[in-house]
Amino acid sequence: MGVVNVTPDSFSDGGRWFDAGRAVEHGLRMVEEGADIVDVGGESTQPGAQRVSAEEELRRVLPVVTELARQGVAVSVDTMRAEVAAASVDAGAVLVNDVSGGLADPEMARLVAATGVSYVLMHWRGHSHDMQKRAVYTDVVQEVHDELDRRMAAVVDQGVDPGQIIIDPGLGFSKSPDRAHNWALLARLDRLAGLGRPILVGGSRKRFLGRLLSDAEGNPRDFTDCDDATVAVTALAAFHGAWAVRVHDVRPNADAVRVARAWRTGGTALVHGRAEAPRARDVQ
């Protein structure tokens, strides 16, 4: 899953793809490099970010979703608003990536149920302006597992088919990079897999990687120098059964997925030593 942030303030590439034409070009390039899905978002969710209006979010994402879908790209819309999700699905999006897991907008589950699109339900404890204050756990793996389980039950009660759901542990969202919450979740993907749904891992360029790679004085490495670490996370997540990884730099991560698949299968999926070329796959 390639990330296209149509925002001026996202932590990793704020402003680079704010123009709709450039965002579309970037999304198409990601597909060429091996992305199966292009995730289009118009609202930054980095720690401390303030929300934009629904009108502004729609203005940002709809032209990009519409054009990418018109060109045959499997498009995901990264939004917490049912209004934005509905317009994006009408424009051709096949997946709704809701970082709030349906908590930010009570209409989201009904929209997902009515449209039948795939739905990423992420672990979430609050909006960006104060989410890190909520990173308090006794057992982060068990608590994230249980909270995801409850959210799944809640959206199913509202009509969502369990087969529509993909779960996301929410790396970086109400997870402290200083307390190894993110690493604990990655190490126990098998525990989350027990929920019976595909898992999306979104660790690309996040602060816990920069914290891991701090210099001798304890200064975290800048996100721009964390792409190699992201590729390592991708390879390990793929090897341990993740359904997809959400990344900013597609080609090296697509390569890592191919290596992990060859390793995991002992090469049984190879043809004359060659891996299947990257191509768009079914969302579910």
Protein backbone atom coordinates (compact mmCIF):
# COMPACT_ATOMS: atom_id res chain seq x y z
CA MET A 1 0.00 0.00 0.00
CA GLY A 2 1.60 3.21 -1.20
CA VAL A 3 0.90 6.44 0.70
CA VAL A 4 -0.16 9.63 -1.08
CA ASN A 5 -0.61 12.48 1.40
CA VAL A 6 -2.55 15.30 -0.25
CA THR A 7 -1.68 17.60 2.65
CA PRO A 8 0.67 20.49 3.41
CA ASP A 9 1.64 19.16 6.84
CA SER A 10 2.11 15.36 6.92
CA PHE A 11 5.26 14.42 8.81
CA SER A 12 7.05 12.55 6.03
CA ASP A 13 6.29 14.46 2.85
CA GLY A 14 4.04 17.37 3.74
CA GLY A 15 3.43 19.54 0.70
CA ARG A 16 5.15 17.42 -1.95
CA TRP A 17 1.90 15.98 -3.28
CA PHE A 18 -0.50 18.74 -2.22
CA ASP A 19 -1.18 19.56 -5.86
CA ALA A 20 -3.74 17.09 -7.24
CA GLY A 21 -1.90 16.56 -10.52
CA ARG A 22 1.37 15.76 -8.78
CA ALA A 23 -0.46 13.48 -6.34
CA VAL A 24 -1.95 11.49 -9.23
CA GLU A 25 1.44 11.20 -10.94
CA HIS A 26 2.95 9.98 -7.68
CA GLY A 27 0.21 7.39 -7.21
CA LEU A 28 0.68 6.05 -10.74
CA ARG A 29 4.44 5.85 -10.18
CA MET A 30 3.83 3.84 -7.02
CA VAL A 31 1.77 1.32 -8.97
CA GLU A 32 4.58 0.98 -11.50
CA GLU A 33 6.97 0.31 -8.60
CA GLY A 34 4.81 -2.48 -7.18
CA ALA A 35 2.05 -0.94 -5.06
CA ASP A 36 -1.13 -3.02 -5.05
CA ILE A 37 -3.16 -0.24 -3.41
CA VAL A 38 -2.68 3.54 -3.32
CA ASP A 39 -3.87 5.13 -0.06
CA VAL A 40 -4.99 8.75 -0.54
CA GLY A 41 -5.36 10.96 2.53
CA GLY A 42 -6.24 14.61 2.96
CA GLU A 43 -5.80 15.06 6.70
CA SER A 44 -2.56 14.77 8.67
CA THR A 45 -2.73 12.45 11.68
CA GLN A 46 0.78 13.05 13.03
CA PRO A 47 0.97 13.74 16.78
CA GLY A 48 -0.25 17.26 17.51
CA ALA A 49 -1.99 17.78 14.16
CA GLN A 50 -5.25 19.73 14.13
CA ARG A 51 -8.21 18.58 12.06
CA VAL A 52 -9.29 20.17 8.78
CA SER A 53 -12.89 20.67 7.76
CA ALA A 54 -14.78 18.02 5.83
CA GLU A 55 -15.07 20.44 2.92
CA GLU A 56 -11.31 20.94 2.76
CA GLU A 57 -10.63 17.22 3.09
CA LEU A 58 -13.02 16.51 0.20
CA ARG A 59 -11.42 19.25 -1.91
CA ARG A 60 -8.03 17.62 -1.41
CA VAL A 61 -8.79 13.95 -1.96
CA LEU A 62 -11.68 13.66 -4.42
CA PRO A 63 -9.85 14.76 -7.59
CA VAL A 64 -6.98 12.37 -6.79
CA VAL A 65 -9.20 9.41 -5.94
CA THR A 66 -11.34 10.01 -9.03
CA GLU A 67 -8.44 10.15 -11.48
CA LEU A 68 -6.49 7.24 -10.01
CA ALA A 69 -9.61 5.06 -10.00
CA ARG A 70 -10.36 6.13 -13.59
CA GLN A 71 -6.91 4.86 -14.57
CA GLY A 72 -7.57 1.47 -13.00
CA VAL A 73 -5.72 1.90 -9.70
CA ALA A 74 -7.05 0.15 -6.59
CA VAL A 75 -7.57 3.20 -4.39
CA SER A 76 -7.95 3.40 -0.64
CA VAL A 77 -9.16 6.58 1.05
CA ASP A 78 -7.53 7.42 4.39
CA THR A 79 -10.30 9.21 6.29
CA MET A 80 -12.15 9.23 9.59
CA ARG A 81 -15.26 10.86 8.09
CA ALA A 82 -18.15 8.88 6.62
CA GLU A 83 -18.96 11.83 4.34
CA VAL A 84 -15.50 11.73 2.77
CA ALA A 85 -15.54 7.94 2.60
CA ALA A 86 -18.93 7.93 0.83
CA ALA A 87 -17.84 10.47 -1.79
CA SER A 88 -14.58 8.59 -2.36
CA VAL A 89 -16.32 5.24 -2.79
CA ASP A 90 -18.69 6.87 -5.28
CA ALA A 91 -15.57 8.11 -7.09
CA GLY A 92 -14.11 4.59 -7.26
CA ALA A 93 -12.29 3.88 -3.99
CA VAL A 94 -12.40 0.19 -3.07
CA LEU A 95 -11.18 0.46 0.53
CA VAL A 96 -11.73 2.83 3.46
CA ASN A 97 -8.74 3.20 5.77
CA ASP A 98 -10.15 4.61 9.01
CA VAL A 99 -7.45 5.29 11.60
CA SER A 100 -10.14 5.81 14.25
CA GLY A 101 -11.66 2.34 13.82
CA GLY A 102 -15.10 3.92 13.51
CA LEU A 103 -14.86 5.92 16.74
CA ALA A 104 -14.47 9.38 15.20
CA ASP A 105 -17.68 9.21 13.15
CA PRO A 106 -20.62 7.06 14.27
CA GLU A 107 -21.88 6.92 10.67
CA MET A 108 -18.76 5.22 9.32
CA ALA A 109 -19.75 1.63 10.08
CA ARG A 110 -23.15 2.06 8.45
CA LEU A 111 -21.51 3.56 5.36
CA VAL A 112 -19.07 0.64 5.12
CA ALA A 113 -21.89 -1.85 5.59
CA ALA A 114 -24.04 -0.20 2.92
CA THR A 115 -21.29 0.00 0.29
CA GLY A 116 -19.63 -3.36 0.97
CA VAL A 117 -16.10 -1.95 0.54
CA SER A 118 -13.12 -3.29 2.41
CA TYR A 119 -12.47 -1.51 5.70
CA VAL A 120 -9.25 -1.02 7.64
CA LEU A 121 -10.15 -0.82 11.30
CA MET A 122 -7.21 0.61 13.23
CA HIS A 123 -6.52 0.64 16.97
CA TRP A 124 -7.14 4.21 18.13
CA ARG A 125 -7.58 5.98 21.44
CA GLY A 126 -8.03 9.60 20.42
CA HIS A 127 -7.28 12.40 17.99
CA SER A 128 -3.76 13.54 17.13
CA HIS A 129 -3.70 16.58 19.40
CA ASP A 130 -3.63 14.44 22.55
CA MET A 131 -3.24 10.80 21.48
CA GLN A 132 0.22 10.36 23.00
CA LYS A 133 -1.20 11.14 26.46
CA ARG A 134 -3.28 7.99 26.02
CA ALA A 135 -0.25 5.72 25.46
CA VAL A 136 -0.65 4.05 28.87
CA TYR A 137 -0.71 0.24 28.99
CA THR A 138 -0.12 -2.57 31.43
CA ASP A 139 0.13 -5.12 28.60
CA VAL A 140 0.09 -3.33 25.25
CA VAL A 141 -0.37 -6.47 23.13
CA GLN A 142 -3.30 -7.79 25.15
CA GLU A 143 -4.97 -4.40 25.45
CA VAL A 144 -4.65 -3.59 21.74
CA HIS A 145 -5.95 -7.09 20.92
CA ASP A 146 -8.95 -6.68 23.20
CA GLU A 147 -9.76 -3.15 22.05
CA LEU A 148 -9.62 -4.22 18.39
CA ASP A 149 -11.84 -7.19 19.21
CA ARG A 150 -14.41 -4.90 20.79
CA ARG A 151 -14.32 -2.47 17.86
CA MET A 152 -14.79 -5.33 15.41
CA ALA A 153 -17.82 -6.54 17.35
CA ALA A 154 -19.25 -3.01 17.42
CA VAL A 155 -19.01 -2.44 13.65
CA VAL A 156 -20.34 -5.94 12.91
CA ASP A 157 -23.33 -5.10 15.11
CA GLN A 158 -23.88 -2.11 12.81
CA GLY A 159 -24.02 -4.34 9.74
CA VAL A 160 -20.41 -4.63 8.57
CA ASP A 161 -19.59 -8.12 7.29
CA PRO A 162 -16.56 -9.52 9.15
CA GLY A 163 -15.09 -10.37 5.75
CA GLN A 164 -14.82 -6.66 4.95
CA ILE A 165 -12.53 -5.97 7.90
CA ILE A 166 -8.74 -5.62 7.90
CA ILE A 167 -7.16 -4.80 11.25
CA ASP A 168 -4.29 -2.42 11.96
CA PRO A 169 -2.49 -2.26 15.35
CA GLY A 170 -2.00 1.49 14.90
CA LEU A 171 1.77 1.80 15.20
CA GLY A 172 2.59 5.29 16.46
CA PHE A 173 -0.99 6.09 17.44
CA SER A 174 -1.18 6.27 21.24
CA LYS A 175 1.98 4.12 21.29
CA SER A 176 5.09 5.51 22.97
CA PRO A 177 8.38 5.20 21.06
CA ASP A 178 10.18 5.42 24.42
CA ARG A 179 8.30 2.46 25.92
CA ALA A 180 8.69 0.01 23.02
CA HIS A 181 4.92 -0.32 22.53
CA ASN A 182 5.32 -0.52 18.75
CA TRP A 183 8.01 -3.21 18.92
CA ALA A 184 5.95 -5.32 21.29
CA LEU A 185 3.05 -5.27 18.81
CA LEU A 186 5.28 -6.15 15.86
CA ALA A 187 6.81 -9.03 17.79
CA ARG A 188 3.35 -10.46 18.48
CA LEU A 189 1.58 -10.12 15.15
CA ASP A 190 0.63 -13.75 15.67
CA ARG A 191 -1.44 -12.72 18.70
CA LEU A 192 -3.33 -10.15 16.64
CA ALA A 193 -3.76 -12.68 13.84
CA GLY A 194 -5.82 -14.66 16.34
CA LEU A 195 -8.60 -12.14 15.71
CA GLY A 196 -9.06 -13.91 12.38
CA ARG A 197 -8.66 -10.94 10.04
CA PRO A 198 -5.87 -9.76 7.70
CA ILE A 199 -3.37 -7.36 9.27
CA LEU A 200 -2.11 -4.08 7.83
CA VAL A 201 1.21 -2.82 9.24
CA GLY A 202 1.93 0.90 8.95
CA GLY A 203 5.37 1.62 10.39
CA SER A 204 6.92 3.55 7.52
CA ARG A 205 9.22 6.41 8.66
CA LYS A 206 7.56 6.60 12.07
CA ARG A 207 9.18 7.98 15.19
CA PHE A 208 9.78 4.64 16.86
CA LEU A 209 12.22 3.84 14.04
CA GLY A 210 14.05 7.13 14.51
CA ARG A 211 14.19 6.46 18.25
CA LEU A 212 15.66 3.01 17.67
CA LEU A 213 18.38 4.51 15.48
CA SER A 214 19.31 7.39 17.82
CA ASP A 215 22.90 8.62 17.80
CA ALA A 216 25.34 8.38 20.72
CA GLU A 217 23.86 11.55 22.27
CA GLY A 218 20.36 10.10 22.13
CA ASN A 219 19.12 12.26 19.25
CA PRO A 220 16.57 10.33 17.16
CA ARG A 221 17.39 9.83 13.50
CA ASP A 222 15.38 11.99 11.12
CA PHE A 223 12.48 10.25 9.37
CA THR A 224 14.19 10.88 6.03
CA ASP A 225 16.95 8.47 7.08
CA CYS A 226 14.62 5.69 8.25
CA ASP A 227 13.69 4.15 4.90
CA ASP A 228 16.18 1.28 5.27
CA ALA A 229 14.71 0.48 8.68
CA THR A 230 11.24 0.59 7.13
CA VAL A 231 12.29 -2.00 4.56
CA ALA A 232 13.51 -4.25 7.39
CA VAL A 233 10.14 -3.94 9.14
CA THR A 234 8.39 -4.72 5.85
CA ALA A 235 10.42 -7.88 5.25
CA LEU A 236 9.78 -9.16 8.77
CA ALA A 237 6.09 -8.24 8.74
CA ALA A 238 5.62 -9.98 5.39
CA PHE A 239 7.50 -13.04 6.59
CA HIS A 240 5.25 -13.22 9.65
CA GLY A 241 2.06 -13.06 7.64
CA ALA A 242 0.99 -9.42 7.40
CA TRP A 243 -1.63 -8.88 4.69
CA ALA A 244 -0.07 -5.59 3.59
CA VAL A 245 2.36 -2.87 4.62
CA ARG A 246 1.65 0.85 4.22
CA VAL A 247 4.79 2.62 2.98
CA HIS A 248 6.06 5.87 1.48
CA ASP A 249 8.85 4.43 -0.72
CA VAL A 250 7.33 1.57 -2.69
CA ARG A 251 10.04 -0.09 -4.78
CA PRO A 252 12.42 -1.29 -2.02
CA ASN A 253 9.49 -2.40 0.12
CA ALA A 254 7.91 -4.31 -2.79
CA ASP A 255 11.29 -6.01 -3.24
CA ALA A 256 11.34 -6.89 0.47
CA VAL A 257 7.89 -8.49 0.19
CA ARG A 258 9.06 -10.64 -2.72
CA VAL A 259 12.13 -11.75 -0.77
CA ALA A 260 10.03 -12.56 2.30
CA ARG A 261 7.57 -14.60 0.24
CA ALA A 262 10.36 -16.58 -1.41
CA TRP A 263 11.96 -17.20 1.98
CA ARG A 264 8.69 -18.11 3.68
CA THR A 265 7.69 -20.57 0.95
CA GLY A 266 11.16 -22.00 0.45
CA GLY A 267 11.00 -20.87 -3.15
CA THR A 268 8.02 -23.05 -4.07
CA ALA A 269 6.25 -20.03 -5.62
CA LEU A 270 9.19 -19.18 -7.89
CA VAL A 271 9.32 -20.01 -11.59
CA HIS A 272 12.88 -20.76 -12.75
CA GLY A 273 14.16 -18.78 -9.77
CA ARG A 274 12.06 -15.71 -10.53
CA ALA A 275 9.48 -14.12 -8.28
CA GLU A 276 6.16 -12.98 -9.61
CA ALA A 277 6.44 -9.41 -10.86
CA PRO A 278 4.65 -6.75 -8.79
CA ARG A 279 1.05 -6.32 -9.89
CA ALA A 280 -2.22 -5.05 -8.50
CA ARG A 281 -4.00 -7.73 -6.49
CA ASP A 282 -7.48 -8.08 -5.11
CA VAL A 283 -7.96 -5.96 -2.02
CA GLN A 284 -9.38 -8.82 0.05
